[in-house]
Amino acid sequence: MMLHHTDLDKETLFIVSQTFKALGDPTRIRILHLLSVKECSVGEIVEHLSLGQSTVSHQLRFLKNLRLVNSRRVGTSIYYSPEDEHVMEILEKTIQHSNHD
């Protein structure tokens, strides 16, 4: 695949750097990886990953602001799932790469 050199605009640079920032945090990686398996509420994430509720809520807000997770309300619960399949593919490929002998 041949890439042509083009300058990246400031918005693209910002989005790319924020995406890598999101994937640069172990807690956010764990949350995204869990959400790649199944949709979860905050309480389920807290339970599965043994994290504090405030930590999970803070990280989900960060991921939602970057449009990396979706949320939907069911009664009083909010369920989260991945929004950006491209970023999830990057995450899974990186996990596979790190587990490769």
PDB file of N, CA and C in Angstrom:
ATOM      1  N   MET A   1       0.847  -1.178   0.000  1.00  0.00           N
ATOM      2  CA  MET A   1       0.000   0.000   0.000  1.00  0.00           C
ATOM      3  C   MET A   1       0.889   1.236   0.000  1.00  0.00           C
ATOM      4  N   MET A   2       0.652   2.110  -0.928  1.00  0.00           N
ATOM      5  CA  MET A   2       1.472   3.308  -1.067  1.00  0.00           C
ATOM      6  C   MET A   2       0.750   4.498  -0.434  1.00  0.00           C
ATOM      7  N   LEU A   3       1.424   5.184   0.456  1.00  0.00           N
ATOM      8  CA  LEU A   3       0.848   6.362   1.086  1.00  0.00           C
ATOM      9  C   LEU A   3       1.424   7.612   0.448  1.00  0.00           C
ATOM     10  N   HIS A   4       0.558   8.568   0.218  1.00  0.00           N
ATOM     11  CA  HIS A   4       1.006   9.848  -0.320  1.00  0.00           C
ATOM     12  C   HIS A   4       1.167  10.811   0.838  1.00  0.00           C
ATOM     13  N   HIS A   5       2.259  11.559   0.827  1.00  0.00           N
ATOM     14  CA  HIS A   5       2.519  12.501   1.909  1.00  0.00           C
ATOM     15  C   HIS A   5       1.549  13.668   1.823  1.00  0.00           C
ATOM     16  N   THR A   6       0.823  13.873   2.886  1.00  0.00           N
ATOM     17  CA  THR A   6      -0.032  15.050   3.013  1.00  0.00           C
ATOM     18  C   THR A   6       0.102  15.540   4.446  1.00  0.00           C
ATOM     19  N   ASP A   7      -0.017  16.832   4.614  1.00  0.00           N
ATOM     20  CA  ASP A   7       0.019  17.390   5.956  1.00  0.00           C
ATOM     21  C   ASP A   7      -1.296  17.082   6.648  1.00  0.00           C
ATOM     22  N   LEU A   8      -1.207  16.775   7.923  1.00  0.00           N
ATOM     23  CA  LEU A   8      -2.403  16.516   8.707  1.00  0.00           C
ATOM     24  C   LEU A   8      -2.896  17.828   9.308  1.00  0.00           C
ATOM     25  N   ASP A   9      -4.202  18.032   9.243  1.00  0.00           N
ATOM     26  CA  ASP A   9      -4.738  19.260   9.833  1.00  0.00           C
ATOM     27  C   ASP A   9      -4.764  19.129  11.354  1.00  0.00           C
ATOM     28  N   LYS A  10      -4.913  20.248  12.019  1.00  0.00           N
ATOM     29  CA  LYS A  10      -4.847  20.272  13.489  1.00  0.00           C
ATOM     30  C   LYS A  10      -5.920  19.415  14.134  1.00  0.00           C
ATOM     31  N   GLU A  11      -7.114  19.396  13.565  1.00  0.00           N
ATOM     32  CA  GLU A  11      -8.194  18.596  14.142  1.00  0.00           C
ATOM     33  C   GLU A  11      -7.869  17.101  14.068  1.00  0.00           C
ATOM     34  N   THR A  12      -7.351  16.657  12.921  1.00  0.00           N
ATOM     35  CA  THR A  12      -6.971  15.254  12.767  1.00  0.00           C
ATOM     36  C   THR A  12      -5.873  14.888  13.747  1.00  0.00           C
ATOM     37  N   LEU A  13      -4.860  15.733  13.866  1.00  0.00           N
ATOM     38  CA  LEU A  13      -3.778  15.475  14.809  1.00  0.00           C
ATOM     39  C   LEU A  13      -4.298  15.369  16.236  1.00  0.00           C
ATOM     40  N   PHE A  14      -5.214  16.254  16.592  1.00  0.00           N
ATOM     41  CA  PHE A  14      -5.780  16.236  17.945  1.00  0.00           C
ATOM     42  C   PHE A  14      -6.545  14.945  18.197  1.00  0.00           C
ATOM     43  N   ILE A  15      -7.408  14.554  17.255  1.00  0.00           N
ATOM     44  CA  ILE A  15      -8.214  13.336  17.425  1.00  0.00           C
ATOM     45  C   ILE A  15      -7.327  12.107  17.529  1.00  0.00           C
ATOM     46  N   VAL A  16      -6.312  12.009  16.664  1.00  0.00           N
ATOM     47  CA  VAL A  16      -5.406  10.861  16.699  1.00  0.00           C
ATOM     48  C   VAL A  16      -4.650  10.820  18.026  1.00  0.00           C
ATOM     49  N   SER A  17      -4.133  11.960  18.467  1.00  0.00           N
ATOM     50  CA  SER A  17      -3.366  11.971  19.720  1.00  0.00           C
ATOM     51  C   SER A  17      -4.259  11.642  20.915  1.00  0.00           C
ATOM     52  N   GLN A  18      -5.506  12.109  20.917  1.00  0.00           N
ATOM     53  CA  GLN A  18      -6.427  11.798  22.011  1.00  0.00           C
ATOM     54  C   GLN A  18      -6.816  10.322  22.008  1.00  0.00           C
ATOM     55  N   THR A  19      -6.940   9.746  20.823  1.00  0.00           N
ATOM     56  CA  THR A  19      -7.252   8.310  20.729  1.00  0.00           C
ATOM     57  C   THR A  19      -6.119   7.488  21.318  1.00  0.00           C
ATOM     58  N   PHE A  20      -4.881   7.838  20.956  1.00  0.00           N
ATOM     59  CA  PHE A  20      -3.743   7.110  21.530  1.00  0.00           C
ATOM     60  C   PHE A  20      -3.605   7.384  23.025  1.00  0.00           C
ATOM     61  N   LYS A  21      -3.964   8.582  23.458  1.00  0.00           N
ATOM     62  CA  LYS A  21      -3.966   8.880  24.890  1.00  0.00           C
ATOM     63  C   LYS A  21      -4.964   7.965  25.600  1.00  0.00           C
ATOM     64  N   ALA A  22      -6.139   7.784  25.003  1.00  0.00           N
ATOM     65  CA  ALA A  22      -7.157   6.902  25.589  1.00  0.00           C
ATOM     66  C   ALA A  22      -6.637   5.484  25.692  1.00  0.00           C
ATOM     67  N   LEU A  23      -5.940   5.021  24.663  1.00  0.00           N
ATOM     68  CA  LEU A  23      -5.421   3.655  24.645  1.00  0.00           C
ATOM     69  C   LEU A  23      -4.120   3.525  25.431  1.00  0.00           C
ATOM     70  N   GLY A  24      -3.607   4.630  25.943  1.00  0.00           N
ATOM     71  CA  GLY A  24      -2.364   4.615  26.707  1.00  0.00           C
ATOM     72  C   GLY A  24      -2.570   4.426  28.202  1.00  0.00           C
ATOM     73  N   ASP A  25      -3.800   4.259  28.628  1.00  0.00           N
ATOM     74  CA  ASP A  25      -4.102   4.119  30.052  1.00  0.00           C
ATOM     75  C   ASP A  25      -4.582   2.696  30.332  1.00  0.00           C
ATOM     76  N   PRO A  26      -3.918   1.981  31.253  1.00  0.00           N
ATOM     77  CA  PRO A  26      -4.299   0.589  31.537  1.00  0.00           C
ATOM     78  C   PRO A  26      -5.761   0.403  31.956  1.00  0.00           C
ATOM     79  N   THR A  27      -6.296   1.322  32.744  1.00  0.00           N
ATOM     80  CA  THR A  27      -7.687   1.193  33.176  1.00  0.00           C
ATOM     81  C   THR A  27      -8.633   1.322  31.992  1.00  0.00           C
ATOM     82  N   ARG A  28      -8.386   2.293  31.123  1.00  0.00           N
ATOM     83  CA  ARG A  28      -9.252   2.465  29.949  1.00  0.00           C
ATOM     84  C   ARG A  28      -9.126   1.273  29.008  1.00  0.00           C
ATOM     85  N   ILE A  29      -7.924   0.711  28.884  1.00  0.00           N
ATOM     86  CA  ILE A  29      -7.746  -0.489  28.055  1.00  0.00           C
ATOM     87  C   ILE A  29      -8.590  -1.626  28.623  1.00  0.00           C
ATOM     88  N   ARG A  30      -8.549  -1.814  29.921  1.00  0.00           N
ATOM     89  CA  ARG A  30      -9.326  -2.889  30.551  1.00  0.00           C
ATOM     90  C   ARG A  30     -10.828  -2.689  30.329  1.00  0.00           C
ATOM     91  N   ILE A  31     -11.292  -1.456  30.470  1.00  0.00           N
ATOM     92  CA  ILE A  31     -12.715  -1.162  30.269  1.00  0.00           C
ATOM     93  C   ILE A  31     -13.108  -1.422  28.819  1.00  0.00           C
ATOM     94  N   LEU A  32     -12.331  -0.904  27.876  1.00  0.00           N
ATOM     95  CA  LEU A  32     -12.647  -1.110  26.456  1.00  0.00           C
ATOM     96  C   LEU A  32     -12.608  -2.584  26.082  1.00  0.00           C
ATOM     97  N   HIS A  33     -11.634  -3.303  26.619  1.00  0.00           N
ATOM     98  CA  HIS A  33     -11.535  -4.731  26.324  1.00  0.00           C
ATOM     99  C   HIS A  33     -12.768  -5.477  26.848  1.00  0.00           C
ATOM    100  N   LEU A  34     -13.205  -5.159  28.061  1.00  0.00           N
ATOM    101  CA  LEU A  34     -14.414  -5.771  28.609  1.00  0.00           C
ATOM    102  C   LEU A  34     -15.624  -5.433  27.736  1.00  0.00           C
ATOM    103  N   LEU A  35     -15.746  -4.176  27.340  1.00  0.00           N
ATOM    104  CA  LEU A  35     -16.883  -3.761  26.521  1.00  0.00           C
ATOM    105  C   LEU A  35     -16.844  -4.391  25.132  1.00  0.00           C
ATOM    106  N   SER A  36     -15.665  -4.800  24.684  1.00  0.00           N
ATOM    107  CA  SER A  36     -15.588  -5.475  23.383  1.00  0.00           C
ATOM    108  C   SER A  36     -16.217  -6.860  23.455  1.00  0.00           C
ATOM    109  N   VAL A  37     -16.301  -7.408  24.671  1.00  0.00           N
ATOM    110  CA  VAL A  37     -16.881  -8.734  24.881  1.00  0.00           C
ATOM    111  C   VAL A  37     -18.388  -8.624  25.091  1.00  0.00           C
ATOM    112  N   LYS A  38     -18.812  -7.622  25.896  1.00  0.00           N
ATOM    113  CA  LYS A  38     -20.242  -7.472  26.168  1.00  0.00           C
ATOM    114  C   LYS A  38     -20.564  -6.068  26.652  1.00  0.00           C
ATOM    115  N   GLU A  39     -21.783  -5.647  26.386  1.00  0.00           N
ATOM    116  CA  GLU A  39     -22.285  -4.382  26.883  1.00  0.00           C
ATOM    117  C   GLU A  39     -22.404  -4.482  28.403  1.00  0.00           C
ATOM    118  N   CYS A  40     -21.997  -3.425  29.117  1.00  0.00           N
ATOM    119  CA  CYS A  40     -22.009  -3.471  30.588  1.00  0.00           C
ATOM    120  C   CYS A  40     -22.511  -2.161  31.172  1.00  0.00           C
ATOM    121  N   SER A  41     -23.102  -2.279  32.363  1.00  0.00           N
ATOM    122  CA  SER A  41     -23.424  -1.095  33.158  1.00  0.00           C
ATOM    123  C   SER A  41     -22.184  -0.722  33.969  1.00  0.00           C
ATOM    124  N   VAL A  42     -22.213   0.446  34.585  1.00  0.00           N
ATOM    125  CA  VAL A  42     -21.100   0.870  35.438  1.00  0.00           C
ATOM    126  C   VAL A  42     -20.868  -0.166  36.535  1.00  0.00           C
ATOM    127  N   GLY A  43     -21.951  -0.617  37.156  1.00  0.00           N
ATOM    128  CA  GLY A  43     -21.836  -1.598  38.234  1.00  0.00           C
ATOM    129  C   GLY A  43     -21.187  -2.894  37.781  1.00  0.00           C
ATOM    130  N   GLU A  44     -21.531  -3.348  36.578  1.00  0.00           N
ATOM    131  CA  GLU A  44     -20.927  -4.571  36.048  1.00  0.00           C
ATOM    132  C   GLU A  44     -19.439  -4.382  35.782  1.00  0.00           C
ATOM    133  N   ILE A  45     -19.061  -3.209  35.262  1.00  0.00           N
ATOM    134  CA  ILE A  45     -17.645  -2.922  35.021  1.00  0.00           C
ATOM    135  C   ILE A  45     -16.889  -2.907  36.343  1.00  0.00           C
ATOM    136  N   VAL A  46     -17.467  -2.233  37.353  1.00  0.00           N
ATOM    137  CA  VAL A  46     -16.867  -2.173  38.692  1.00  0.00           C
ATOM    138  C   VAL A  46     -16.624  -3.588  39.209  1.00  0.00           C
ATOM    139  N   GLU A  47     -17.644  -4.442  39.092  1.00  0.00           N
ATOM    140  CA  GLU A  47     -17.559  -5.808  39.604  1.00  0.00           C
ATOM    141  C   GLU A  47     -16.550  -6.654  38.823  1.00  0.00           C
ATOM    142  N   HIS A  48     -16.628  -6.620  37.491  1.00  0.00           N
ATOM    143  CA  HIS A  48     -15.742  -7.451  36.662  1.00  0.00           C
ATOM    144  C   HIS A  48     -14.271  -7.071  36.805  1.00  0.00           C
ATOM    145  N   LEU A  49     -14.004  -5.769  36.928  1.00  0.00           N
ATOM    146  CA  LEU A  49     -12.614  -5.298  36.908  1.00  0.00           C
ATOM    147  C   LEU A  49     -12.090  -4.920  38.291  1.00  0.00           C
ATOM    148  N   SER A  50     -12.922  -5.065  39.322  1.00  0.00           N
ATOM    149  CA  SER A  50     -12.530  -4.704  40.698  1.00  0.00           C
ATOM    150  C   SER A  50     -11.976  -3.283  40.770  1.00  0.00           C
ATOM    151  N   LEU A  51     -12.756  -2.353  40.249  1.00  0.00           N
ATOM    152  CA  LEU A  51     -12.390  -0.941  40.262  1.00  0.00           C
ATOM    153  C   LEU A  51     -13.428  -0.167  41.066  1.00  0.00           C
ATOM    154  N   GLY A  52     -13.054   1.024  41.504  1.00  0.00           N
ATOM    155  CA  GLY A  52     -14.000   1.884  42.203  1.00  0.00           C
ATOM    156  C   GLY A  52     -15.002   2.482  41.232  1.00  0.00           C
ATOM    157  N   GLN A  53     -16.210   2.734  41.732  1.00  0.00           N
ATOM    158  CA  GLN A  53     -17.257   3.290  40.873  1.00  0.00           C
ATOM    159  C   GLN A  53     -16.872   4.660  40.334  1.00  0.00           C
ATOM    160  N   SER A  54     -16.246   5.497  41.159  1.00  0.00           N
ATOM    161  CA  SER A  54     -15.867   6.835  40.679  1.00  0.00           C
ATOM    162  C   SER A  54     -14.803   6.737  39.591  1.00  0.00           C
ATOM    163  N   THR A  55     -13.887   5.784  39.717  1.00  0.00           N
ATOM    164  CA  THR A  55     -12.856   5.575  38.688  1.00  0.00           C
ATOM    165  C   THR A  55     -13.502   5.173  37.372  1.00  0.00           C
ATOM    166  N   VAL A  56     -14.423   4.209  37.440  1.00  0.00           N
ATOM    167  CA  VAL A  56     -15.091   3.735  36.231  1.00  0.00           C
ATOM    168  C   VAL A  56     -15.893   4.871  35.593  1.00  0.00           C
ATOM    169  N   SER A  57     -16.642   5.600  36.380  1.00  0.00           N
ATOM    170  CA  SER A  57     -17.456   6.702  35.860  1.00  0.00           C
ATOM    171  C   SER A  57     -16.577   7.757  35.189  1.00  0.00           C
ATOM    172  N   HIS A  58     -15.467   8.096  35.839  1.00  0.00           N
ATOM    173  CA  HIS A  58     -14.529   9.082  35.277  1.00  0.00           C
ATOM    174  C   HIS A  58     -13.971   8.607  33.939  1.00  0.00           C
ATOM    175  N   GLN A  59     -13.539   7.347  33.870  1.00  0.00           N
ATOM    176  CA  GLN A  59     -12.954   6.820  32.633  1.00  0.00           C
ATOM    177  C   GLN A  59     -13.997   6.697  31.534  1.00  0.00           C
ATOM    178  N   LEU A  60     -15.212   6.311  31.878  1.00  0.00           N
ATOM    179  CA  LEU A  60     -16.274   6.234  30.874  1.00  0.00           C
ATOM    180  C   LEU A  60     -16.611   7.608  30.314  1.00  0.00           C
ATOM    181  N   ARG A  61     -16.595   8.633  31.170  1.00  0.00           N
ATOM    182  CA  ARG A  61     -16.822  10.005  30.693  1.00  0.00           C
ATOM    183  C   ARG A  61     -15.747  10.390  29.683  1.00  0.00           C
ATOM    184  N   PHE A  62     -14.482  10.073  30.003  1.00  0.00           N
ATOM    185  CA  PHE A  62     -13.361  10.359  29.110  1.00  0.00           C
ATOM    186  C   PHE A  62     -13.574   9.652  27.768  1.00  0.00           C
ATOM    187  N   LEU A  63     -13.906   8.353  27.812  1.00  0.00           N
ATOM    188  CA  LEU A  63     -14.096   7.563  26.594  1.00  0.00           C
ATOM    189  C   LEU A  63     -15.319   8.031  25.805  1.00  0.00           C
ATOM    190  N   LYS A  64     -16.357   8.442  26.497  1.00  0.00           N
ATOM    191  CA  LYS A  64     -17.562   8.937  25.826  1.00  0.00           C
ATOM    192  C   LYS A  64     -17.279  10.268  25.132  1.00  0.00           C
ATOM    193  N   ASN A  65     -16.521  11.138  25.780  1.00  0.00           N
ATOM    194  CA  ASN A  65     -16.159  12.427  25.173  1.00  0.00           C
ATOM    195  C   ASN A  65     -15.356  12.244  23.889  1.00  0.00           C
ATOM    196  N   LEU A  66     -14.587  11.170  23.820  1.00  0.00           N
ATOM    197  CA  LEU A  66     -13.813  10.864  22.602  1.00  0.00           C
ATOM    198  C   LEU A  66     -14.625  10.045  21.608  1.00  0.00           C
ATOM    199  N   ARG A  67     -15.872   9.780  21.927  1.00  0.00           N
ATOM    200  CA  ARG A  67     -16.774   8.972  21.093  1.00  0.00           C
ATOM    201  C   ARG A  67     -16.223   7.569  20.870  1.00  0.00           C
ATOM    202  N   LEU A  68     -15.622   7.008  21.920  1.00  0.00           N
ATOM    203  CA  LEU A  68     -15.129   5.637  21.854  1.00  0.00           C
ATOM    204  C   LEU A  68     -16.128   4.663  22.462  1.00  0.00           C
ATOM    205  N   VAL A  69     -17.073   5.171  23.282  1.00  0.00           N
ATOM    206  CA  VAL A  69     -18.133   4.328  23.825  1.00  0.00           C
ATOM    207  C   VAL A  69     -19.487   5.015  23.650  1.00  0.00           C
ATOM    208  N   ASN A  70     -20.503   4.180  23.485  1.00  0.00           N
ATOM    209  CA  ASN A  70     -21.906   4.605  23.446  1.00  0.00           C
ATOM    210  C   ASN A  70     -22.532   4.303  24.786  1.00  0.00           C
ATOM    211  N   SER A  71     -23.622   4.989  25.087  1.00  0.00           N
ATOM    212  CA  SER A  71     -24.386   4.633  26.277  1.00  0.00           C
ATOM    213  C   SER A  71     -25.863   4.617  25.918  1.00  0.00           C
ATOM    214  N   ARG A  72     -26.588   3.760  26.625  1.00  0.00           N
ATOM    215  CA  ARG A  72     -28.043   3.728  26.475  1.00  0.00           C
ATOM    216  C   ARG A  72     -28.649   3.466  27.842  1.00  0.00           C
ATOM    217  N   ARG A  73     -29.759   4.123  28.093  1.00  0.00           N
ATOM    218  CA  ARG A  73     -30.423   4.021  29.391  1.00  0.00           C
ATOM    219  C   ARG A  73     -31.516   2.956  29.324  1.00  0.00           C
ATOM    220  N   VAL A  74     -31.531   2.110  30.347  1.00  0.00           N
ATOM    221  CA  VAL A  74     -32.601   1.131  30.525  1.00  0.00           C
ATOM    222  C   VAL A  74     -33.077   1.297  31.967  1.00  0.00           C
ATOM    223  N   GLY A  75     -34.226   1.925  32.136  1.00  0.00           N
ATOM    224  CA  GLY A  75     -34.703   2.230  33.486  1.00  0.00           C
ATOM    225  C   GLY A  75     -33.737   3.185  34.162  1.00  0.00           C
ATOM    226  N   THR A  76     -33.191   2.756  35.298  1.00  0.00           N
ATOM    227  CA  THR A  76     -32.245   3.618  36.017  1.00  0.00           C
ATOM    228  C   THR A  76     -30.792   3.279  35.695  1.00  0.00           C
ATOM    229  N   SER A  77     -30.573   2.250  34.878  1.00  0.00           N
ATOM    230  CA  SER A  77     -29.203   1.835  34.536  1.00  0.00           C
ATOM    231  C   SER A  77     -28.784   2.378  33.179  1.00  0.00           C
ATOM    232  N   ILE A  78     -27.489   2.654  33.060  1.00  0.00           N
ATOM    233  CA  ILE A  78     -26.914   3.064  31.779  1.00  0.00           C
ATOM    234  C   ILE A  78     -25.938   1.978  31.350  1.00  0.00           C
ATOM    235  N   TYR A  79     -26.098   1.515  30.136  1.00  0.00           N
ATOM    236  CA  TYR A  79     -25.247   0.460  29.597  1.00  0.00           C
ATOM    237  C   TYR A  79     -24.305   1.047  28.554  1.00  0.00           C
ATOM    238  N   TYR A  80     -23.059   0.580  28.592  1.00  0.00           N
ATOM    239  CA  TYR A  80     -22.013   1.090  27.703  1.00  0.00           C
ATOM    240  C   TYR A  80     -21.555   0.003  26.739  1.00  0.00           C
ATOM    241  N   SER A  81     -21.211   0.443  25.529  1.00  0.00           N
ATOM    242  CA  SER A  81     -20.698  -0.451  24.495  1.00  0.00           C
ATOM    243  C   SER A  81     -19.725   0.354  23.624  1.00  0.00           C
ATOM    244  N   PRO A  82     -18.869  -0.338  22.863  1.00  0.00           N
ATOM    245  CA  PRO A  82     -17.926   0.379  22.001  1.00  0.00           C
ATOM    246  C   PRO A  82     -18.664   1.159  20.908  1.00  0.00           C
ATOM    247  N   GLU A  83     -18.170   2.335  20.589  1.00  0.00           N
ATOM    248  CA  GLU A  83     -18.769   3.128  19.506  1.00  0.00           C
ATOM    249  C   GLU A  83     -17.920   3.057  18.248  1.00  0.00           C
ATOM    250  N   ASP A  84     -16.609   3.002  18.402  1.00  0.00           N
ATOM    251  CA  ASP A  84     -15.717   3.084  17.250  1.00  0.00           C
ATOM    252  C   ASP A  84     -15.053   1.735  16.990  1.00  0.00           C
ATOM    253  N   GLU A  85     -15.560   1.016  16.012  1.00  0.00           N
ATOM    254  CA  GLU A  85     -15.025  -0.320  15.713  1.00  0.00           C
ATOM    255  C   GLU A  85     -13.568  -0.258  15.234  1.00  0.00           C
ATOM    256  N   HIS A  86     -13.172   0.823  14.588  1.00  0.00           N
ATOM    257  CA  HIS A  86     -11.782   0.950  14.131  1.00  0.00           C
ATOM    258  C   HIS A  86     -10.824   0.961  15.323  1.00  0.00           C
ATOM    259  N   VAL A  87     -11.167   1.723  16.345  1.00  0.00           N
ATOM    260  CA  VAL A  87     -10.317   1.801  17.536  1.00  0.00           C
ATOM    261  C   VAL A  87     -10.319   0.460  18.258  1.00  0.00           C
ATOM    262  N   MET A  88     -11.465  -0.213  18.288  1.00  0.00           N
ATOM    263  CA  MET A  88     -11.524  -1.524  18.936  1.00  0.00           C
ATOM    264  C   MET A  88     -10.655  -2.537  18.189  1.00  0.00           C
ATOM    265  N   GLU A  89     -10.618  -2.448  16.862  1.00  0.00           N
ATOM    266  CA  GLU A  89      -9.749  -3.330  16.076  1.00  0.00           C
ATOM    267  C   GLU A  89      -8.281  -3.065  16.400  1.00  0.00           C
ATOM    268  N   ILE A  90      -7.914  -1.791  16.516  1.00  0.00           N
ATOM    269  CA  ILE A  90      -6.538  -1.435  16.882  1.00  0.00           C
ATOM    270  C   ILE A  90      -6.202  -2.014  18.255  1.00  0.00           C
ATOM    271  N   LEU A  91      -7.120  -1.870  19.208  1.00  0.00           N
ATOM    272  CA  LEU A  91      -6.904  -2.389  20.555  1.00  0.00           C
ATOM    273  C   LEU A  91      -6.723  -3.903  20.529  1.00  0.00           C
ATOM    274  N   GLU A  92      -7.611  -4.616  19.858  1.00  0.00           N
ATOM    275  CA  GLU A  92      -7.529  -6.082  19.825  1.00  0.00           C
ATOM    276  C   GLU A  92      -6.273  -6.553  19.108  1.00  0.00           C
ATOM    277  N   LYS A  93      -5.903  -5.883  18.008  1.00  0.00           N
ATOM    278  CA  LYS A  93      -4.682  -6.260  17.293  1.00  0.00           C
ATOM    279  C   LYS A  93      -3.444  -6.002  18.157  1.00  0.00           C
ATOM    280  N   THR A  94      -3.458  -4.945  18.924  1.00  0.00           N
ATOM    281  CA  THR A  94      -2.335  -4.638  19.805  1.00  0.00           C
ATOM    282  C   THR A  94      -2.245  -5.664  20.934  1.00  0.00           C
ATOM    283  N   ILE A  95      -3.385  -6.084  21.457  1.00  0.00           N
ATOM    284  CA  ILE A  95      -3.397  -7.125  22.485  1.00  0.00           C
ATOM    285  C   ILE A  95      -2.857  -8.430  21.897  1.00  0.00           C
ATOM    286  N   GLN A  96      -3.319  -8.791  20.697  1.00  0.00           N
ATOM    287  CA  GLN A  96      -2.821  -9.999  20.026  1.00  0.00           C
ATOM    288  C   GLN A  96      -1.309  -9.912  19.808  1.00  0.00           C
ATOM    289  N   HIS A  97      -0.852  -8.746  19.371  1.00  0.00           N
ATOM    290  CA  HIS A  97       0.568  -8.527  19.124  1.00  0.00           C
ATOM    291  C   HIS A  97       1.381  -8.723  20.409  1.00  0.00           C
ATOM    292  N   SER A  98       0.872  -8.203  21.519  1.00  0.00           N
ATOM    293  CA  SER A  98       1.607  -8.296  22.786  1.00  0.00           C
ATOM    294  C   SER A  98       1.637  -9.727  23.321  1.00  0.00           C
ATOM    295  N   ASN A  99       0.637 -10.543  22.920  1.00  0.00           N
ATOM    296  CA  ASN A  99       0.591 -11.941  23.360  1.00  0.00           C
ATOM    297  C   ASN A  99       1.310 -12.882  22.397  1.00  0.00           C
ATOM    298  N   HIS A 100       1.812 -12.352  21.296  1.00  0.00           N
ATOM    299  CA  HIS A 100       2.488 -13.167  20.278  1.00  0.00           C
ATOM    300  C   HIS A 100       3.874 -13.553  20.756  1.00  0.00           C
ATOM    301  N   ASP A 101       4.239 -14.804  20.555  1.00  0.00           N
ATOM    302  CA  ASP A 101       5.566 -15.265  21.005  1.00  0.00           C
ATOM    303  C   ASP A 101       6.664 -14.767  20.095  1.00  0.00           C
TER     304      ASP A 101
END
